[in-house]
mmCIF file of all heavy atoms, coordinates in Angstrom:
data_MODEL
# 
_entry.id   MODEL 
# 
loop_
_atom_site.group_PDB 
_atom_site.id 
_atom_site.type_symbol 
_atom_site.label_atom_id 
_atom_site.label_alt_id 
_atom_site.label_comp_id 
_atom_site.label_asym_id 
_atom_site.label_entity_id 
_atom_site.label_seq_id 
_atom_site.pdbx_PDB_ins_code 
_atom_site.Cartn_x 
_atom_site.Cartn_y 
_atom_site.Cartn_z 
_atom_site.occupancy 
_atom_site.B_iso_or_equiv 
_atom_site.pdbx_formal_charge 
_atom_site.auth_seq_id 
_atom_site.auth_comp_id 
_atom_site.auth_asym_id 
_atom_site.auth_atom_id 
_atom_site.pdbx_PDB_model_num 
ATOM 1   N N   . ARG A 1 1  ? 6.712  50.534 57.332 1.00 0.00 ? 1  ARG A N   1 
ATOM 2   C CA  . ARG A 1 1  ? 5.982  49.617 56.450 1.00 0.00 ? 1  ARG A CA  1 
ATOM 3   C C   . ARG A 1 1  ? 6.333  48.200 56.853 1.00 0.00 ? 1  ARG A C   1 
ATOM 4   O O   . ARG A 1 1  ? 7.503  47.855 56.984 1.00 0.00 ? 1  ARG A O   1 
ATOM 5   C CB  . ARG A 1 1  ? 6.393  49.837 54.999 1.00 0.00 ? 1  ARG A CB  1 
ATOM 6   C CG  . ARG A 1 1  ? 5.626  48.972 54.004 1.00 0.00 ? 1  ARG A CG  1 
ATOM 7   C CD  . ARG A 1 1  ? 6.237  49.033 52.613 1.00 0.00 ? 1  ARG A CD  1 
ATOM 8   N NE  . ARG A 1 1  ? 7.551  48.418 52.574 1.00 0.00 ? 1  ARG A NE  1 
ATOM 9   C CZ  . ARG A 1 1  ? 7.788  47.110 52.514 1.00 0.00 ? 1  ARG A CZ  1 
ATOM 10  N NH1 . ARG A 1 1  ? 6.783  46.250 52.504 1.00 0.00 ? 1  ARG A NH1 1 
ATOM 11  N NH2 . ARG A 1 1  ? 9.015  46.640 52.484 1.00 0.00 ? 1  ARG A NH2 1 
ATOM 12  N N   . MET A 1 2  ? 5.275  47.397 57.090 1.00 0.00 ? 2  MET A N   1 
ATOM 13  C CA  . MET A 1 2  ? 5.462  45.990 57.443 1.00 0.00 ? 2  MET A CA  1 
ATOM 14  C C   . MET A 1 2  ? 4.775  45.122 56.401 1.00 0.00 ? 2  MET A C   1 
ATOM 15  O O   . MET A 1 2  ? 3.558  45.218 56.213 1.00 0.00 ? 2  MET A O   1 
ATOM 16  C CB  . MET A 1 2  ? 4.858  45.687 58.817 1.00 0.00 ? 2  MET A CB  1 
ATOM 17  C CG  . MET A 1 2  ? 5.548  46.387 59.969 1.00 0.00 ? 2  MET A CG  1 
ATOM 18  S SD  . MET A 1 2  ? 4.754  46.050 61.560 1.00 0.00 ? 2  MET A SD  1 
ATOM 19  C CE  . MET A 1 2  ? 5.210  44.338 61.799 1.00 0.00 ? 2  MET A CE  1 
ATOM 20  N N   . PRO A 1 3  ? 5.533  44.263 55.719 1.00 0.00 ? 3  PRO A N   1 
ATOM 21  C CA  . PRO A 1 3  ? 4.918  43.319 54.784 1.00 0.00 ? 3  PRO A CA  1 
ATOM 22  C C   . PRO A 1 3  ? 4.003  42.336 55.532 1.00 0.00 ? 3  PRO A C   1 
ATOM 23  O O   . PRO A 1 3  ? 4.061  42.237 56.769 1.00 0.00 ? 3  PRO A O   1 
ATOM 24  C CB  . PRO A 1 3  ? 6.114  42.581 54.183 1.00 0.00 ? 3  PRO A CB  1 
ATOM 25  C CG  . PRO A 1 3  ? 7.289  43.444 54.436 1.00 0.00 ? 3  PRO A CG  1 
ATOM 26  C CD  . PRO A 1 3  ? 6.988  44.160 55.717 1.00 0.00 ? 3  PRO A CD  1 
ATOM 27  N N   . PRO A 1 4  ? 3.199  41.582 54.796 1.00 0.00 ? 4  PRO A N   1 
ATOM 28  C CA  . PRO A 1 4  ? 2.320  40.594 55.433 1.00 0.00 ? 4  PRO A CA  1 
ATOM 29  C C   . PRO A 1 4  ? 3.097  39.629 56.328 1.00 0.00 ? 4  PRO A C   1 
ATOM 30  O O   . PRO A 1 4  ? 4.233  39.254 56.026 1.00 0.00 ? 4  PRO A O   1 
ATOM 31  C CB  . PRO A 1 4  ? 1.708  39.848 54.247 1.00 0.00 ? 4  PRO A CB  1 
ATOM 32  C CG  . PRO A 1 4  ? 1.790  40.812 53.103 1.00 0.00 ? 4  PRO A CG  1 
ATOM 33  C CD  . PRO A 1 4  ? 3.039  41.603 53.340 1.00 0.00 ? 4  PRO A CD  1 
ATOM 34  N N   . HIS A 1 5  ? 2.488  39.263 57.437 1.00 0.00 ? 5  HIS A N   1 
ATOM 35  C CA  . HIS A 1 5  ? 2.987  38.232 58.350 1.00 0.00 ? 5  HIS A CA  1 
ATOM 36  C C   . HIS A 1 5  ? 4.384  38.536 58.904 1.00 0.00 ? 5  HIS A C   1 
ATOM 37  O O   . HIS A 1 5  ? 5.240  37.665 58.964 1.00 0.00 ? 5  HIS A O   1 
ATOM 38  C CB  . HIS A 1 5  ? 2.934  36.857 57.675 1.00 0.00 ? 5  HIS A CB  1 
ATOM 39  C CG  . HIS A 1 5  ? 1.580  36.564 57.102 1.00 0.00 ? 5  HIS A CG  1 
ATOM 40  N ND1 . HIS A 1 5  ? 0.493  36.257 57.889 1.00 0.00 ? 5  HIS A ND1 1 
ATOM 41  C CD2 . HIS A 1 5  ? 1.133  36.595 55.818 1.00 0.00 ? 5  HIS A CD2 1 
ATOM 42  C CE1 . HIS A 1 5  ? -0.565 36.091 57.115 1.00 0.00 ? 5  HIS A CE1 1 
ATOM 43  N NE2 . HIS A 1 5  ? -0.207 36.293 55.861 1.00 0.00 ? 5  HIS A NE2 1 
ATOM 44  N N   . THR A 1 6  ? 4.596  39.794 59.300 1.00 0.00 ? 6  THR A N   1 
ATOM 45  C CA  . THR A 1 6  ? 5.848  40.186 59.942 1.00 0.00 ? 6  THR A CA  1 
ATOM 46  C C   . THR A 1 6  ? 5.520  40.792 61.314 1.00 0.00 ? 6  THR A C   1 
ATOM 47  O O   . THR A 1 6  ? 4.376  41.145 61.583 1.00 0.00 ? 6  THR A O   1 
ATOM 48  C CB  . THR A 1 6  ? 6.637  41.208 59.100 1.00 0.00 ? 6  THR A CB  1 
ATOM 49  O OG1 . THR A 1 6  ? 5.816  42.350 58.853 1.00 0.00 ? 6  THR A OG1 1 
ATOM 50  C CG2 . THR A 1 6  ? 7.097  40.605 57.783 1.00 0.00 ? 6  THR A CG2 1 
ATOM 51  N N   . SER A 1 7  ? 6.555  40.908 62.144 1.00 0.00 ? 7  SER A N   1 
ATOM 52  C CA  . SER A 1 7  ? 6.359  41.531 63.455 1.00 0.00 ? 7  SER A CA  1 
ATOM 53  C C   . SER A 1 7  ? 7.694  42.072 63.942 1.00 0.00 ? 7  SER A C   1 
ATOM 54  O O   . SER A 1 7  ? 8.753  41.719 63.418 1.00 0.00 ? 7  SER A O   1 
ATOM 55  C CB  . SER A 1 7  ? 5.800  40.536 64.473 1.00 0.00 ? 7  SER A CB  1 
ATOM 56  O OG  . SER A 1 7  ? 6.734  39.515 64.724 1.00 0.00 ? 7  SER A OG  1 
ATOM 57  N N   . GLU A 1 8  ? 7.610  42.935 64.927 1.00 0.00 ? 8  GLU A N   1 
ATOM 58  C CA  . GLU A 1 8  ? 8.828  43.427 65.561 1.00 0.00 ? 8  GLU A CA  1 
ATOM 59  C C   . GLU A 1 8  ? 9.075  42.602 66.812 1.00 0.00 ? 8  GLU A C   1 
ATOM 60  O O   . GLU A 1 8  ? 8.199  41.865 67.270 1.00 0.00 ? 8  GLU A O   1 
ATOM 61  C CB  . GLU A 1 8  ? 8.709  44.917 65.897 1.00 0.00 ? 8  GLU A CB  1 
ATOM 62  C CG  . GLU A 1 8  ? 7.655  45.231 66.932 1.00 0.00 ? 8  GLU A CG  1 
ATOM 63  C CD  . GLU A 1 8  ? 7.600  46.697 67.300 1.00 0.00 ? 8  GLU A CD  1 
ATOM 64  O OE1 . GLU A 1 8  ? 8.559  47.441 67.023 1.00 0.00 ? 8  GLU A OE1 1 
ATOM 65  O OE2 . GLU A 1 8  ? 6.591  47.101 67.889 1.00 0.00 ? 8  GLU A OE2 1 
ATOM 66  N N   . LYS A 1 9  ? 10.264 42.735 67.389 1.00 0.00 ? 9  LYS A N   1 
ATOM 67  C CA  . LYS A 1 9  ? 10.572 42.041 68.634 1.00 0.00 ? 9  LYS A CA  1 
ATOM 68  C C   . LYS A 1 9  ? 9.870  42.742 69.792 1.00 0.00 ? 9  LYS A C   1 
ATOM 69  O O   . LYS A 1 9  ? 9.782  43.969 69.820 1.00 0.00 ? 9  LYS A O   1 
ATOM 70  C CB  . LYS A 1 9  ? 12.076 42.015 68.869 1.00 0.00 ? 9  LYS A CB  1 
ATOM 71  C CG  . LYS A 1 9  ? 12.802 41.134 67.888 1.00 0.00 ? 9  LYS A CG  1 
ATOM 72  C CD  . LYS A 1 9  ? 14.263 41.046 68.205 1.00 0.00 ? 9  LYS A CD  1 
ATOM 73  C CE  . LYS A 1 9  ? 14.947 40.124 67.208 1.00 0.00 ? 9  LYS A CE  1 
ATOM 74  N NZ  . LYS A 1 9  ? 16.373 39.971 67.505 1.00 0.00 ? 9  LYS A NZ  1 
ATOM 75  N N   . ARG A 1 10 ? 9.391  41.950 70.724 1.00 0.00 ? 10 ARG A N   1 
ATOM 76  C CA  . ARG A 1 10 ? 8.723  42.502 71.909 1.00 0.00 ? 10 ARG A CA  1 
ATOM 77  C C   . ARG A 1 10 ? 9.745  43.293 72.711 1.00 0.00 ? 10 ARG A C   1 
ATOM 78  O O   . ARG A 1 10 ? 10.861 42.837 72.944 1.00 0.00 ? 10 ARG A O   1 
ATOM 79  C CB  . ARG A 1 10 ? 8.131  41.369 72.737 1.00 0.00 ? 10 ARG A CB  1 
ATOM 80  C CG  . ARG A 1 10 ? 7.180  41.837 73.802 1.00 0.00 ? 10 ARG A CG  1 
ATOM 81  C CD  . ARG A 1 10 ? 6.359  40.645 74.301 1.00 0.00 ? 10 ARG A CD  1 
ATOM 82  N NE  . ARG A 1 10 ? 5.255  41.109 75.096 1.00 0.00 ? 10 ARG A NE  1 
ATOM 83  C CZ  . ARG A 1 10 ? 5.283  41.192 76.430 1.00 0.00 ? 10 ARG A CZ  1 
ATOM 84  N NH1 . ARG A 1 10 ? 6.358  40.844 77.086 1.00 0.00 ? 10 ARG A NH1 1 
ATOM 85  N NH2 . ARG A 1 10 ? 4.227  41.623 77.082 1.00 0.00 ? 10 ARG A NH2 1 
ATOM 86  N N   . HIS A 1 11 ? 9.355  44.483 73.132 1.00 0.00 ? 11 HIS A N   1 
ATOM 87  C CA  . HIS A 1 11 ? 10.288 45.381 73.800 1.00 0.00 ? 11 HIS A CA  1 
ATOM 88  C C   . HIS A 1 11 ? 9.525  46.405 74.640 1.00 0.00 ? 11 HIS A C   1 
ATOM 89  O O   . HIS A 1 11 ? 8.298  46.431 74.629 1.00 0.00 ? 11 HIS A O   1 
ATOM 90  C CB  . HIS A 1 11 ? 11.166 46.102 72.764 1.00 0.00 ? 11 HIS A CB  1 
ATOM 91  C CG  . HIS A 1 11 ? 10.395 47.019 71.883 1.00 0.00 ? 11 HIS A CG  1 
ATOM 92  N ND1 . HIS A 1 11 ? 9.625  46.573 70.815 1.00 0.00 ? 11 HIS A ND1 1 
ATOM 93  C CD2 . HIS A 1 11 ? 10.236 48.358 71.917 1.00 0.00 ? 11 HIS A CD2 1 
ATOM 94  C CE1 . HIS A 1 11 ? 9.047  47.605 70.238 1.00 0.00 ? 11 HIS A CE1 1 
ATOM 95  N NE2 . HIS A 1 11 ? 9.395  48.711 70.894 1.00 0.00 ? 11 HIS A NE2 1 
ATOM 96  N N   . LEU A 1 12 ? 10.283 47.255 75.327 1.00 0.00 ? 12 LEU A N   1 
ATOM 97  C CA  . LEU A 1 12 ? 9.692  48.401 76.018 1.00 0.00 ? 12 LEU A CA  1 
ATOM 98  C C   . LEU A 1 12 ? 10.667 49.562 75.968 1.00 0.00 ? 12 LEU A C   1 
ATOM 99  O O   . LEU A 1 12 ? 11.836 49.393 75.632 1.00 0.00 ? 12 LEU A O   1 
ATOM 100 C CB  . LEU A 1 12 ? 9.302  48.064 77.470 1.00 0.00 ? 12 LEU A CB  1 
ATOM 101 C CG  . LEU A 1 12 ? 10.374 47.687 78.487 1.00 0.00 ? 12 LEU A CG  1 
ATOM 102 C CD1 . LEU A 1 12 ? 11.152 48.890 79.001 1.00 0.00 ? 12 LEU A CD1 1 
ATOM 103 C CD2 . LEU A 1 12 ? 9.716  46.989 79.660 1.00 0.00 ? 12 LEU A CD2 1 
ATOM 104 N N   . HIS A 1 13 ? 10.153 50.729 76.274 1.00 0.00 ? 13 HIS A N   1 
ATOM 105 C CA  . HIS A 1 13 ? 10.953 51.950 76.382 1.00 0.00 ? 13 HIS A CA  1 
ATOM 106 C C   . HIS A 1 13 ? 10.774 52.474 77.802 1.00 0.00 ? 13 HIS A C   1 
ATOM 107 O O   . HIS A 1 13 ? 9.648  52.598 78.279 1.00 0.00 ? 13 HIS A O   1 
ATOM 108 C CB  . HIS A 1 13 ? 10.487 52.993 75.359 1.00 0.00 ? 13 HIS A CB  1 
ATOM 109 C CG  . HIS A 1 13 ? 10.503 52.476 73.960 1.00 0.00 ? 13 HIS A CG  1 
ATOM 110 N ND1 . HIS A 1 13 ? 11.652 52.369 73.220 1.00 0.00 ? 13 HIS A ND1 1 
ATOM 111 C CD2 . HIS A 1 13 ? 9.510  52.000 73.175 1.00 0.00 ? 13 HIS A CD2 1 
ATOM 112 C CE1 . HIS A 1 13 ? 11.367 51.864 72.041 1.00 0.00 ? 13 HIS A CE1 1 
ATOM 113 N NE2 . HIS A 1 13 ? 10.067 51.626 71.988 1.00 0.00 ? 13 HIS A NE2 1 
ATOM 114 N N   . GLU A 1 14 ? 11.881 52.766 78.459 1.00 0.00 ? 14 GLU A N   1 
ATOM 115 C CA  . GLU A 1 14 ? 11.803 53.200 79.857 1.00 0.00 ? 14 GLU A CA  1 
ATOM 116 C C   . GLU A 1 14 ? 11.275 54.614 80.015 1.00 0.00 ? 14 GLU A C   1 
ATOM 117 O O   . GLU A 1 14 ? 10.579 54.918 80.979 1.00 0.00 ? 14 GLU A O   1 
ATOM 118 C CB  . GLU A 1 14 ? 13.172 53.080 80.516 1.00 0.00 ? 14 GLU A CB  1 
ATOM 119 C CG  . GLU A 1 14 ? 13.603 51.634 80.699 1.00 0.00 ? 14 GLU A CG  1 
ATOM 120 C CD  . GLU A 1 14 ? 14.932 51.527 81.396 1.00 0.00 ? 14 GLU A CD  1 
ATOM 121 O OE1 . GLU A 1 14 ? 15.907 52.134 80.918 1.00 0.00 ? 14 GLU A OE1 1 
ATOM 122 O OE2 . GLU A 1 14 ? 14.979 50.845 82.431 1.00 0.00 ? 14 GLU A OE2 1 
ATOM 123 N N   . THR A 1 15 ? 11.592 55.512 79.073 1.00 0.00 ? 15 THR A N   1 
ATOM 124 C CA  . THR A 1 15 ? 11.161 56.909 79.225 1.00 0.00 ? 15 THR A CA  1 
ATOM 125 C C   . THR A 1 15 ? 10.269 57.404 78.093 1.00 0.00 ? 15 THR A C   1 
ATOM 126 O O   . THR A 1 15 ? 9.524  58.352 78.283 1.00 0.00 ? 15 THR A O   1 
ATOM 127 C CB  . THR A 1 15 ? 12.376 57.854 79.343 1.00 0.00 ? 15 THR A CB  1 
ATOM 128 O OG1 . THR A 1 15 ? 13.185 57.722 78.180 1.00 0.00 ? 15 THR A OG1 1 
ATOM 129 C CG2 . THR A 1 15 ? 13.195 57.524 80.574 1.00 0.00 ? 15 THR A CG2 1 
ATOM 130 N N   . SER A 1 16 ? 10.336 56.790 76.946 1.00 0.00 ? 16 SER A N   1 
ATOM 131 C CA  . SER A 1 16 ? 9.580  57.280 75.785 1.00 0.00 ? 16 SER A CA  1 
ATOM 132 C C   . SER A 1 16 ? 8.129  56.829 75.810 1.00 0.00 ? 16 SER A C   1 
ATOM 133 O O   . SER A 1 16 ? 7.815  55.678 76.101 1.00 0.00 ? 16 SER A O   1 
ATOM 134 C CB  . SER A 1 16 ? 10.223 56.791 74.488 1.00 0.00 ? 16 SER A CB  1 
ATOM 135 O OG  . SER A 1 16 ? 11.513 57.307 74.356 1.00 0.00 ? 16 SER A OG  1 
ATOM 136 N N   . GLN A 1 17 ? 7.269  57.764 75.480 1.00 0.00 ? 17 GLN A N   1 
ATOM 137 C CA  . GLN A 1 17 ? 5.855  57.505 75.257 1.00 0.00 ? 17 GLN A CA  1 
ATOM 138 C C   . GLN A 1 17 ? 5.664  57.465 73.748 1.00 0.00 ? 17 GLN A C   1 
ATOM 139 O O   . GLN A 1 17 ? 6.254  58.280 73.025 1.00 0.00 ? 17 GLN A O   1 
ATOM 140 C CB  . GLN A 1 17 ? 5.035  58.636 75.867 1.00 0.00 ? 17 GLN A CB  1 
ATOM 141 C CG  . GLN A 1 17 ? 3.564  58.534 75.636 1.00 0.00 ? 17 GLN A CG  1 
ATOM 142 C CD  . GLN A 1 17 ? 2.834  59.659 76.367 1.00 0.00 ? 17 GLN A CD  1 
ATOM 143 O OE1 . GLN A 1 17 ? 3.299  60.192 77.370 1.00 0.00 ? 17 GLN A OE1 1 
ATOM 144 N NE2 . GLN A 1 17 ? 1.682  60.023 75.843 1.00 0.00 ? 17 GLN A NE2 1 
ATOM 145 N N   . GLN A 1 18 ? 4.849  56.515 73.252 1.00 0.00 ? 18 GLN A N   1 
ATOM 146 C CA  . GLN A 1 18 ? 4.675  56.388 71.813 1.00 0.00 ? 18 GLN A CA  1 
ATOM 147 C C   . GLN A 1 18 ? 3.201  56.397 71.424 1.00 0.00 ? 18 GLN A C   1 
ATOM 148 O O   . GLN A 1 18 ? 2.333  56.046 72.226 1.00 0.00 ? 18 GLN A O   1 
ATOM 149 C CB  . GLN A 1 18 ? 5.292  55.070 71.305 1.00 0.00 ? 18 GLN A CB  1 
ATOM 150 C CG  . GLN A 1 18 ? 6.793  55.011 71.478 1.00 0.00 ? 18 GLN A CG  1 
ATOM 151 C CD  . GLN A 1 18 ? 7.363  53.774 70.849 1.00 0.00 ? 18 GLN A CD  1 
ATOM 152 O OE1 . GLN A 1 18 ? 7.062  52.662 71.267 1.00 0.00 ? 18 GLN A OE1 1 
ATOM 153 N NE2 . GLN A 1 18 ? 8.187  53.968 69.829 1.00 0.00 ? 18 GLN A NE2 1 
ATOM 154 N N   . PHE A 1 19 ? 2.974  56.791 70.176 1.00 0.00 ? 19 PHE A N   1 
ATOM 155 C CA  . PHE A 1 19 ? 1.644  56.707 69.593 1.00 0.00 ? 19 PHE A CA  1 
ATOM 156 C C   . PHE A 1 19 ? 1.798  56.097 68.207 1.00 0.00 ? 19 PHE A C   1 
ATOM 157 O O   . PHE A 1 19 ? 2.586  56.590 67.389 1.00 0.00 ? 19 PHE A O   1 
ATOM 158 C CB  . PHE A 1 19 ? 0.977  58.087 69.498 1.00 0.00 ? 19 PHE A CB  1 
ATOM 159 C CG  . PHE A 1 19 ? -0.449 58.005 69.037 1.00 0.00 ? 19 PHE A CG  1 
ATOM 160 C CD1 . PHE A 1 19 ? -1.452 57.629 69.919 1.00 0.00 ? 19 PHE A CD1 1 
ATOM 161 C CD2 . PHE A 1 19 ? -0.785 58.271 67.723 1.00 0.00 ? 19 PHE A CD2 1 
ATOM 162 C CE1 . PHE A 1 19 ? -2.778 57.538 69.489 1.00 0.00 ? 19 PHE A CE1 1 
ATOM 163 C CE2 . PHE A 1 19 ? -2.099 58.186 67.291 1.00 0.00 ? 19 PHE A CE2 1 
ATOM 164 C CZ  . PHE A 1 19 ? -3.095 57.822 68.181 1.00 0.00 ? 19 PHE A CZ  1 
ATOM 165 N N   . PHE A 1 20 ? 1.094  55.000 67.955 1.00 0.00 ? 20 PHE A N   1 
ATOM 166 C CA  . PHE A 1 20 ? 1.101  54.308 66.668 1.00 0.00 ? 20 PHE A CA  1 
ATOM 167 C C   . PHE A 1 20 ? -0.198 54.646 65.947 1.00 0.00 ? 20 PHE A C   1 
ATOM 168 O O   . PHE A 1 20 ? -1.280 54.507 66.533 1.00 0.00 ? 20 PHE A O   1 
ATOM 169 C CB  . PHE A 1 20 ? 1.172  52.792 66.871 1.00 0.00 ? 20 PHE A CB  1 
ATOM 170 C CG  . PHE A 1 20 ? 2.500  52.301 67.399 1.00 0.00 ? 20 PHE A CG  1 
ATOM 171 C CD1 . PHE A 1 20 ? 2.854  52.487 68.729 1.00 0.00 ? 20 PHE A CD1 1 
ATOM 172 C CD2 . PHE A 1 20 ? 3.382  51.632 66.564 1.00 0.00 ? 20 PHE A CD2 1 
ATOM 173 C CE1 . PHE A 1 20 ? 4.064  52.027 69.222 1.00 0.00 ? 20 PHE A CE1 1 
ATOM 174 C CE2 . PHE A 1 20 ? 4.595  51.168 67.045 1.00 0.00 ? 20 PHE A CE2 1 
ATOM 175 C CZ  . PHE A 1 20 ? 4.938  51.369 68.372 1.00 0.00 ? 20 PHE A CZ  1 
ATOM 176 N N   . TYR A 1 21 ? -0.092 55.073 64.682 1.00 0.00 ? 21 TYR A N   1 
ATOM 177 C CA  . TYR A 1 21 ? -1.274 55.474 63.915 1.00 0.00 ? 21 TYR A CA  1 
ATOM 178 C C   . TYR A 1 21 ? -1.234 54.785 62.556 1.00 0.00 ? 21 TYR A C   1 
ATOM 179 O O   . TYR A 1 21 ? -0.273 54.954 61.793 1.00 0.00 ? 21 TYR A O   1 
ATOM 180 C CB  . TYR A 1 21 ? -1.310 56.994 63.748 1.00 0.00 ? 21 TYR A CB  1 
ATOM 181 C CG  . TYR A 1 21 ? -2.572 57.478 63.073 1.00 0.00 ? 21 TYR A CG  1 
ATOM 182 C CD1 . TYR A 1 21 ? -3.759 57.585 63.791 1.00 0.00 ? 21 TYR A CD1 1 
ATOM 183 C CD2 . TYR A 1 21 ? -2.571 57.802 61.729 1.00 0.00 ? 21 TYR A CD2 1 
ATOM 184 C CE1 . TYR A 1 21 ? -4.919 58.023 63.176 1.00 0.00 ? 21 TYR A CE1 1 
ATOM 185 C CE2 . TYR A 1 21 ? -3.728 58.243 61.107 1.00 0.00 ? 21 TYR A CE2 1 
ATOM 186 C CZ  . TYR A 1 21 ? -4.905 58.347 61.836 1.00 0.00 ? 21 TYR A CZ  1 
ATOM 187 O OH  . TYR A 1 21 ? -6.052 58.771 61.228 1.00 0.00 ? 21 TYR A OH  1 
ATOM 188 N N   . ILE A 1 22 ? -2.279 54.012 62.241 1.00 0.00 ? 22 ILE A N   1 
ATOM 189 C CA  . ILE A 1 22 ? -2.321 53.218 61.012 1.00 0.00 ? 22 ILE A CA  1 
ATOM 190 C C   . ILE A 1 22 ? -2.729 54.094 59.826 1.00 0.00 ? 22 ILE A C   1 
ATOM 191 O O   . ILE A 1 22 ? -3.792 54.722 59.844 1.00 0.00 ? 22 ILE A O   1 
ATOM 192 C CB  . ILE A 1 22 ? -3.304 52.037 61.150 1.00 0.00 ? 22 ILE A CB  1 
ATOM 193 C CG1 . ILE A 1 22 ? -2.954 51.176 62.364 1.00 0.00 ? 22 ILE A CG1 1 
ATOM 194 C CG2 . ILE A 1 22 ? -3.325 51.201 59.859 1.00 0.00 ? 22 ILE A CG2 1 
ATOM 195 C CD1 . ILE A 1 22 ? -1.581 50.566 62.355 1.00 0.00 ? 22 ILE A CD1 1 
ATOM 196 N N   . LEU A 1 23 ? -1.859 54.118 58.809 1.00 0.00 ? 23 LEU A N   1 
ATOM 197 C CA  . LEU A 1 23 ? -2.152 54.850 57.573 1.00 0.00 ? 23 LEU A CA  1 
ATOM 198 C C   . LEU A 1 23 ? -2.890 53.968 56.567 1.00 0.00 ? 23 LEU A C   1 
ATOM 199 O O   . LEU A 1 23 ? -3.797 54.430 55.883 1.00 0.00 ? 23 LEU A O   1 
ATOM 200 C CB  . LEU A 1 23 ? -0.855 55.363 56.947 1.00 0.00 ? 23 LEU A CB  1 
ATOM 201 C CG  . LEU A 1 23 ? -0.043 56.332 57.802 1.00 0.00 ? 23 LEU A CG  1 
ATOM 202 C CD1 . LEU A 1 23 ? 1.310  56.595 57.156 1.00 0.00 ? 23 LEU A CD1 1 
ATOM 203 C CD2 . LEU A 1 23 ? -0.811 57.624 58.023 1.00 0.00 ? 23 LEU A CD2 1 
ATOM 204 N N   . SER A 1 24 ? -2.473 52.704 56.463 1.00 0.00 ? 24 SER A N   1 
ATOM 205 C CA  . SER A 1 24 ? -3.138 51.760 55.564 1.00 0.00 ? 24 SER A CA  1 
ATOM 206 C C   . SER A 1 24 ? -2.927 50.349 56.078 1.00 0.00 ? 24 SER A C   1 
ATOM 207 O O   . SER A 1 24 ? -1.919 50.054 56.723 1.00 0.00 ? 24 SER A O   1 
ATOM 208 C CB  . SER A 1 24 ? -2.602 51.894 54.131 1.00 0.00 ? 24 SER A CB  1 
ATOM 209 O OG  . SER A 1 24 ? -1.242 51.536 54.071 1.00 0.00 ? 24 SER A OG  1 
# 
């Protein structure tokens, strides 16, 4: 859960593959 006007730090993963899916 991310409140309004927030963000994570820019990054990468060397071996992990990810999938982001928006619930709301």
